[in-house]
Amino acid sequence: MIARTWHGVTPSSKADAYFDVLKESGLKEYRETPGNQGVIVLRRTEGDRTHFLLITFWESFDAIRRFAGPNPERAVYYPEDKEFLLEFEPTVTHYDVLMSPDGSR
């Protein structure tokens, strides 16, 4: 299993609205992509900035390519992101999952 991490930052005043947008864009598309095995959404607020860390789980790089296209290292953004994100990190990070929360691999 492969974990793919993406990080984004919004103004804190827009954090709740951005989470609603995420549910209808990226999170929905993750779940609809064959080979996706789940997603975790983490949020941390530091003053006037809120960080989102999304960790998605995939059965293979082929599955990631079905979501991200031919370059799996490229971050995927949606048109609505322009209204919320303070920066656009160009890449994501991948990790091999050695143990999942339930103790399995």
C-alpha atoms as a PDB file:
ATOM      1  CA  MET A   1       0.000   0.000   0.000  1.00  0.00           C
ATOM      2  CA  ILE A   2       1.191   3.523  -0.772  1.00  0.00           C
ATOM      3  CA  ALA A   3       0.356   6.644   1.235  1.00  0.00           C
ATOM      4  CA  ARG A   4       0.229   9.926  -0.681  1.00  0.00           C
ATOM      5  CA  THR A   5       0.419  13.147   1.330  1.00  0.00           C
ATOM      6  CA  TRP A   6      -0.745  16.578   0.221  1.00  0.00           C
ATOM      7  CA  HIS A   7      -0.494  19.819   2.209  1.00  0.00           C
ATOM      8  CA  GLY A   8      -2.440  23.046   1.768  1.00  0.00           C
ATOM      9  CA  VAL A   9      -2.869  26.276   3.740  1.00  0.00           C
ATOM     10  CA  THR A  10      -5.940  28.508   3.921  1.00  0.00           C
ATOM     11  CA  PRO A  11      -6.805  31.626   5.900  1.00  0.00           C
ATOM     12  CA  SER A  12      -8.310  30.388   9.180  1.00  0.00           C
ATOM     13  CA  SER A  13     -11.480  32.341   8.431  1.00  0.00           C
ATOM     14  CA  LYS A  14     -12.038  30.132   5.370  1.00  0.00           C
ATOM     15  CA  ALA A  15     -11.023  26.756   6.851  1.00  0.00           C
ATOM     16  CA  ASP A  16     -14.519  25.366   7.449  1.00  0.00           C
ATOM     17  CA  ALA A  17     -15.679  26.451   3.993  1.00  0.00           C
ATOM     18  CA  TYR A  18     -12.589  24.894   2.416  1.00  0.00           C
ATOM     19  CA  PHE A  19     -13.266  21.580   4.117  1.00  0.00           C
ATOM     20  CA  ASP A  20     -16.755  21.646   2.576  1.00  0.00           C
ATOM     21  CA  VAL A  21     -15.160  22.265  -0.845  1.00  0.00           C
ATOM     22  CA  LEU A  22     -12.700  19.406  -0.285  1.00  0.00           C
ATOM     23  CA  LYS A  23     -15.567  17.017   0.436  1.00  0.00           C
ATOM     24  CA  GLU A  24     -17.116  17.803  -2.953  1.00  0.00           C
ATOM     25  CA  SER A  25     -13.891  17.876  -4.981  1.00  0.00           C
ATOM     26  CA  GLY A  26     -10.736  15.984  -4.036  1.00  0.00           C
ATOM     27  CA  LEU A  27     -12.158  13.752  -1.329  1.00  0.00           C
ATOM     28  CA  LYS A  28     -15.017  12.693  -3.575  1.00  0.00           C
ATOM     29  CA  GLU A  29     -12.664  12.034  -6.490  1.00  0.00           C
ATOM     30  CA  TYR A  30     -10.283  10.023  -4.299  1.00  0.00           C
ATOM     31  CA  ARG A  31     -13.078   7.705  -3.222  1.00  0.00           C
ATOM     32  CA  GLU A  32     -14.328   7.279  -6.792  1.00  0.00           C
ATOM     33  CA  THR A  33     -10.901   6.322  -8.164  1.00  0.00           C
ATOM     34  CA  PRO A  34     -10.357   2.559  -8.471  1.00  0.00           C
ATOM     35  CA  GLY A  35      -7.502   1.503  -6.205  1.00  0.00           C
ATOM     36  CA  ASN A  36      -8.061   4.181  -3.548  1.00  0.00           C
ATOM     37  CA  GLN A  37      -8.142   2.554  -0.139  1.00  0.00           C
ATOM     38  CA  GLY A  38      -9.108   5.514   2.009  1.00  0.00           C
ATOM     39  CA  VAL A  39      -8.242   9.014   3.113  1.00  0.00           C
ATOM     40  CA  ILE A  40      -7.423  10.815   6.352  1.00  0.00           C
ATOM     41  CA  VAL A  41      -7.906  14.587   6.636  1.00  0.00           C
ATOM     42  CA  LEU A  42      -5.913  16.423   9.306  1.00  0.00           C
ATOM     43  CA  ARG A  43      -6.301  20.118  10.156  1.00  0.00           C
ATOM     44  CA  ARG A  44      -4.165  22.413  12.322  1.00  0.00           C
ATOM     45  CA  THR A  45      -4.751  26.118  12.946  1.00  0.00           C
ATOM     46  CA  GLU A  46      -1.881  28.465  13.714  1.00  0.00           C
ATOM     47  CA  GLY A  47      -3.219  31.958  14.245  1.00  0.00           C
ATOM     48  CA  ASP A  48      -4.698  33.217  10.999  1.00  0.00           C
ATOM     49  CA  ARG A  49      -3.540  30.226   8.918  1.00  0.00           C
ATOM     50  CA  THR A  50      -5.006  26.730   8.833  1.00  0.00           C
ATOM     51  CA  HIS A  51      -3.030  23.782   7.481  1.00  0.00           C
ATOM     52  CA  PHE A  52      -4.662  20.768   5.866  1.00  0.00           C
ATOM     53  CA  LEU A  53      -2.790  17.498   5.519  1.00  0.00           C
ATOM     54  CA  LEU A  54      -4.476  14.833   3.411  1.00  0.00           C
ATOM     55  CA  ILE A  55      -3.152  11.295   3.522  1.00  0.00           C
ATOM     56  CA  THR A  56      -4.606   9.030   0.885  1.00  0.00           C
ATOM     57  CA  PHE A  57      -3.985   5.315   0.618  1.00  0.00           C
ATOM     58  CA  TRP A  58      -3.552   3.516  -2.696  1.00  0.00           C
ATOM     59  CA  GLU A  59      -3.053  -0.073  -3.792  1.00  0.00           C
ATOM     60  CA  SER A  60      -0.380   0.891  -6.368  1.00  0.00           C
ATOM     61  CA  PHE A  61       1.222   3.693  -8.379  1.00  0.00           C
ATOM     62  CA  ASP A  62      -1.068   2.688 -11.256  1.00  0.00           C
ATOM     63  CA  ALA A  63      -4.020   3.561  -9.029  1.00  0.00           C
ATOM     64  CA  ILE A  64      -2.415   6.898  -8.132  1.00  0.00           C
ATOM     65  CA  ARG A  65      -1.925   7.629 -11.846  1.00  0.00           C
ATOM     66  CA  ARG A  66      -5.644   6.998 -12.416  1.00  0.00           C
ATOM     67  CA  PHE A  67      -6.246   9.886 -10.025  1.00  0.00           C
ATOM     68  CA  ALA A  68      -3.266  12.205 -10.646  1.00  0.00           C
ATOM     69  CA  GLY A  69      -2.403  11.507 -14.271  1.00  0.00           C
ATOM     70  CA  PRO A  70       0.925  10.392 -15.743  1.00  0.00           C
ATOM     71  CA  ASN A  71       3.071  12.199 -13.156  1.00  0.00           C
ATOM     72  CA  PRO A  72       2.059  10.858  -9.735  1.00  0.00           C
ATOM     73  CA  GLU A  73       4.387  13.330  -7.957  1.00  0.00           C
ATOM     74  CA  ARG A  74       2.332  16.287  -9.223  1.00  0.00           C
ATOM     75  CA  ALA A  75      -0.206  17.811  -6.846  1.00  0.00           C
ATOM     76  CA  VAL A  76      -3.793  17.920  -8.102  1.00  0.00           C
ATOM     77  CA  TYR A  77      -5.758  21.154  -7.709  1.00  0.00           C
ATOM     78  CA  TYR A  78      -9.337  22.134  -8.485  1.00  0.00           C
ATOM     79  CA  PRO A  79     -10.676  25.480  -9.775  1.00  0.00           C
ATOM     80  CA  GLU A  80     -12.276  26.246  -6.390  1.00  0.00           C
ATOM     81  CA  ASP A  81      -8.881  26.019  -4.670  1.00  0.00           C
ATOM     82  CA  LYS A  82      -7.976  29.490  -5.993  1.00  0.00           C
ATOM     83  CA  GLU A  83     -10.547  31.014  -3.639  1.00  0.00           C
ATOM     84  CA  PHE A  84      -9.043  29.378  -0.538  1.00  0.00           C
ATOM     85  CA  LEU A  85      -5.417  28.292  -0.769  1.00  0.00           C
ATOM     86  CA  LEU A  86      -2.623  30.726   0.084  1.00  0.00           C
ATOM     87  CA  GLU A  87      -0.027  28.775  -1.910  1.00  0.00           C
ATOM     88  CA  PHE A  88       0.083  25.899  -4.370  1.00  0.00           C
ATOM     89  CA  GLU A  89       2.717  23.332  -3.541  1.00  0.00           C
ATOM     90  CA  PRO A  90       3.632  21.688  -6.852  1.00  0.00           C
ATOM     91  CA  THR A  91       4.333  18.175  -5.574  1.00  0.00           C
ATOM     92  CA  VAL A  92       3.125  15.558  -3.119  1.00  0.00           C
ATOM     93  CA  THR A  93       5.040  12.935  -1.171  1.00  0.00           C
ATOM     94  CA  HIS A  94       4.625   9.161  -1.283  1.00  0.00           C
ATOM     95  CA  TYR A  95       5.421   6.621   1.420  1.00  0.00           C
ATOM     96  CA  ASP A  96       5.299   2.840   1.582  1.00  0.00           C
ATOM     97  CA  VAL A  97       2.825   1.816   4.296  1.00  0.00           C
ATOM     98  CA  LEU A  98       4.526  -0.655   6.614  1.00  0.00           C
ATOM     99  CA  MET A  99       1.667  -0.870   9.122  1.00  0.00           C
ATOM    100  CA  SER A 100      -1.843   0.589   9.037  1.00  0.00           C
ATOM    101  CA  PRO A 101      -3.884   1.711  12.072  1.00  0.00           C
ATOM    102  CA  ASP A 102      -5.526  -1.705  12.335  1.00  0.00           C
ATOM    103  CA  GLY A 103      -2.091  -3.365  12.498  1.00  0.00           C
ATOM    104  CA  SER A 104      -2.231  -4.759   8.981  1.00  0.00           C
ATOM    105  CA  ARG A 105      -0.014  -3.768   6.144  1.00  0.00           C
END
